[in-house]
Each structure stands twice: as structure tokens, then as C-alpha cells.
Protein backbone atom coordinates (compact mmCIF):
# COMPACT_ATOMS: atom_id res chain seq x y z
CA MET A 1 -11.48 -15.37 21.34
CA LEU A 2 -8.91 -13.16 19.64
CA ARG A 3 -5.23 -13.94 19.89
CA MET A 4 -3.09 -11.14 21.30
CA SER A 5 -1.50 -10.53 17.88
CA GLU A 6 -4.93 -10.25 16.24
CA GLU A 7 -6.12 -7.82 18.87
CA LYS A 8 -3.01 -5.67 18.40
CA VAL A 9 -3.62 -5.43 14.65
CA LEU A 10 -7.36 -4.91 14.81
CA SER A 11 -7.01 -2.16 17.42
CA SER A 12 -4.42 -0.20 15.37
CA PRO A 13 -5.62 1.71 12.30
CA ILE A 14 -2.08 1.84 10.89
CA LYS A 15 -1.47 -1.89 11.29
CA ARG A 16 -4.91 -2.67 9.82
CA LYS A 17 -4.07 -0.54 6.77
CA ILE A 18 -0.72 -2.28 6.30
CA VAL A 19 -2.20 -5.78 6.57
CA TYR A 20 -5.12 -4.88 4.29
CA LEU A 21 -2.75 -3.34 1.72
CA LEU A 22 -0.51 -6.42 1.69
CA LYS A 23 -3.57 -8.64 1.34
CA THR A 24 -5.00 -6.74 -1.60
CA ASP A 25 -1.77 -5.80 -3.42
CA GLY A 26 0.62 -8.58 -2.38
CA PRO A 27 4.26 -8.25 -1.26
CA MET A 28 5.65 -4.70 -1.35
CA ILE A 29 8.77 -2.73 -0.62
CA PHE A 30 8.92 -0.31 2.31
CA LYS A 31 8.63 2.84 0.18
CA THR A 32 5.50 1.63 -1.60
CA ILE A 33 3.75 0.91 1.70
CA LYS A 34 4.87 4.30 3.04
CA ASP A 35 3.53 6.11 -0.03
CA GLU A 36 0.27 4.15 -0.15
CA ILE A 37 -0.77 4.84 3.42
CA SER A 38 0.85 8.28 3.78
CA ILE A 39 2.81 7.63 6.96
CA SER A 40 6.20 8.78 8.22
CA SER A 41 9.14 6.42 7.85
CA ASP A 42 9.60 6.20 11.61
CA SER A 43 5.96 5.34 12.27
CA LEU A 44 6.00 2.72 9.53
CA LYS A 45 9.22 1.16 10.85
CA ILE A 46 7.68 0.83 14.32
CA ALA A 47 4.47 -0.71 12.96
CA LEU A 48 6.36 -3.14 10.68
CA ASN A 49 8.69 -4.19 13.51
CA ASP A 50 5.68 -4.90 15.72
CA LEU A 51 3.92 -6.86 12.96
CA GLU A 52 7.06 -8.88 12.27
CA ALA A 53 7.65 -9.59 15.97
CA ASP A 54 4.06 -10.86 16.23
CA GLY A 55 4.54 -13.16 13.23
CA ILE A 56 2.07 -11.32 10.99
CA ILE A 57 4.51 -10.19 8.30
CA LYS A 58 7.90 -11.34 7.09
CA LYS A 59 10.59 -9.81 4.93
CA LYS A 60 11.60 -11.84 1.91
CA LYS A 61 13.95 -10.75 -0.88
CA GLY A 62 13.58 -7.08 0.03
CA LYS A 63 9.78 -7.19 0.10
CA ILE A 64 7.33 -7.32 2.97
CA GLU A 65 4.61 -9.96 2.84
CA LEU A 66 1.97 -11.55 5.04
CA THR A 67 2.64 -14.80 6.89
CA GLU A 68 -0.09 -17.44 7.20
CA LEU A 69 -1.19 -15.77 10.46
CA GLY A 70 -1.21 -12.42 8.67
CA LYS A 71 -3.42 -13.87 5.95
CA GLU A 72 -5.87 -15.16 8.57
CA ILE A 73 -6.02 -11.76 10.23
CA SER A 74 -6.44 -10.03 6.87
CA GLN A 75 -9.66 -11.99 6.33
CA LYS A 76 -11.08 -10.47 9.52
CA ILE A 77 -10.00 -7.00 8.40
CA SER A 78 -11.67 -7.51 5.01
CA SER A 79 -14.95 -8.35 6.69
CA MET A 80 -14.68 -5.12 8.75
CA GLU A 81 -14.12 -2.85 5.71
């Protein structure tokens, strides 16, 4: 059974892209994520805030990276791609 946080990521194309990008390219700054997935700043802020609140990403030294939970979820996303 999926955890609520997993379901929220897997059901959102934007969140899936963010998690997949962080998995494949590692920690990134906000602007790099924005440029890579071609999204507005406001939409990205909302998605990142949701991911952080659900414990999927964390901010560390100005970069955004996956938590252990985020890494687990990224494995499921990889198998979907």
C-alpha cells in the first residue's frame, strides 16, 4: 500500500519530474530545477513546499536534495519511466 506522501508524488507530474531530476542529477539549486523542467517560479515553490512538508526533499546549504524517503519514492518513479 502506498503512503500518502508517495501517492501525492506519483499522482503529480510536476512532483514526479522534480524527484526524478534530483535522483538522476543530485542536489540542485532552485533556478536549475526551474530551468530543467520549464515551470514558473510560483508553481515550483508550491511543489517544493509540498515535497518538503511531506519529508521527500530537504534544503541543505542552498541546494535541494532528496531525503531517504525521497530516494525510496524515486526508485518507484524510475521503474515507471
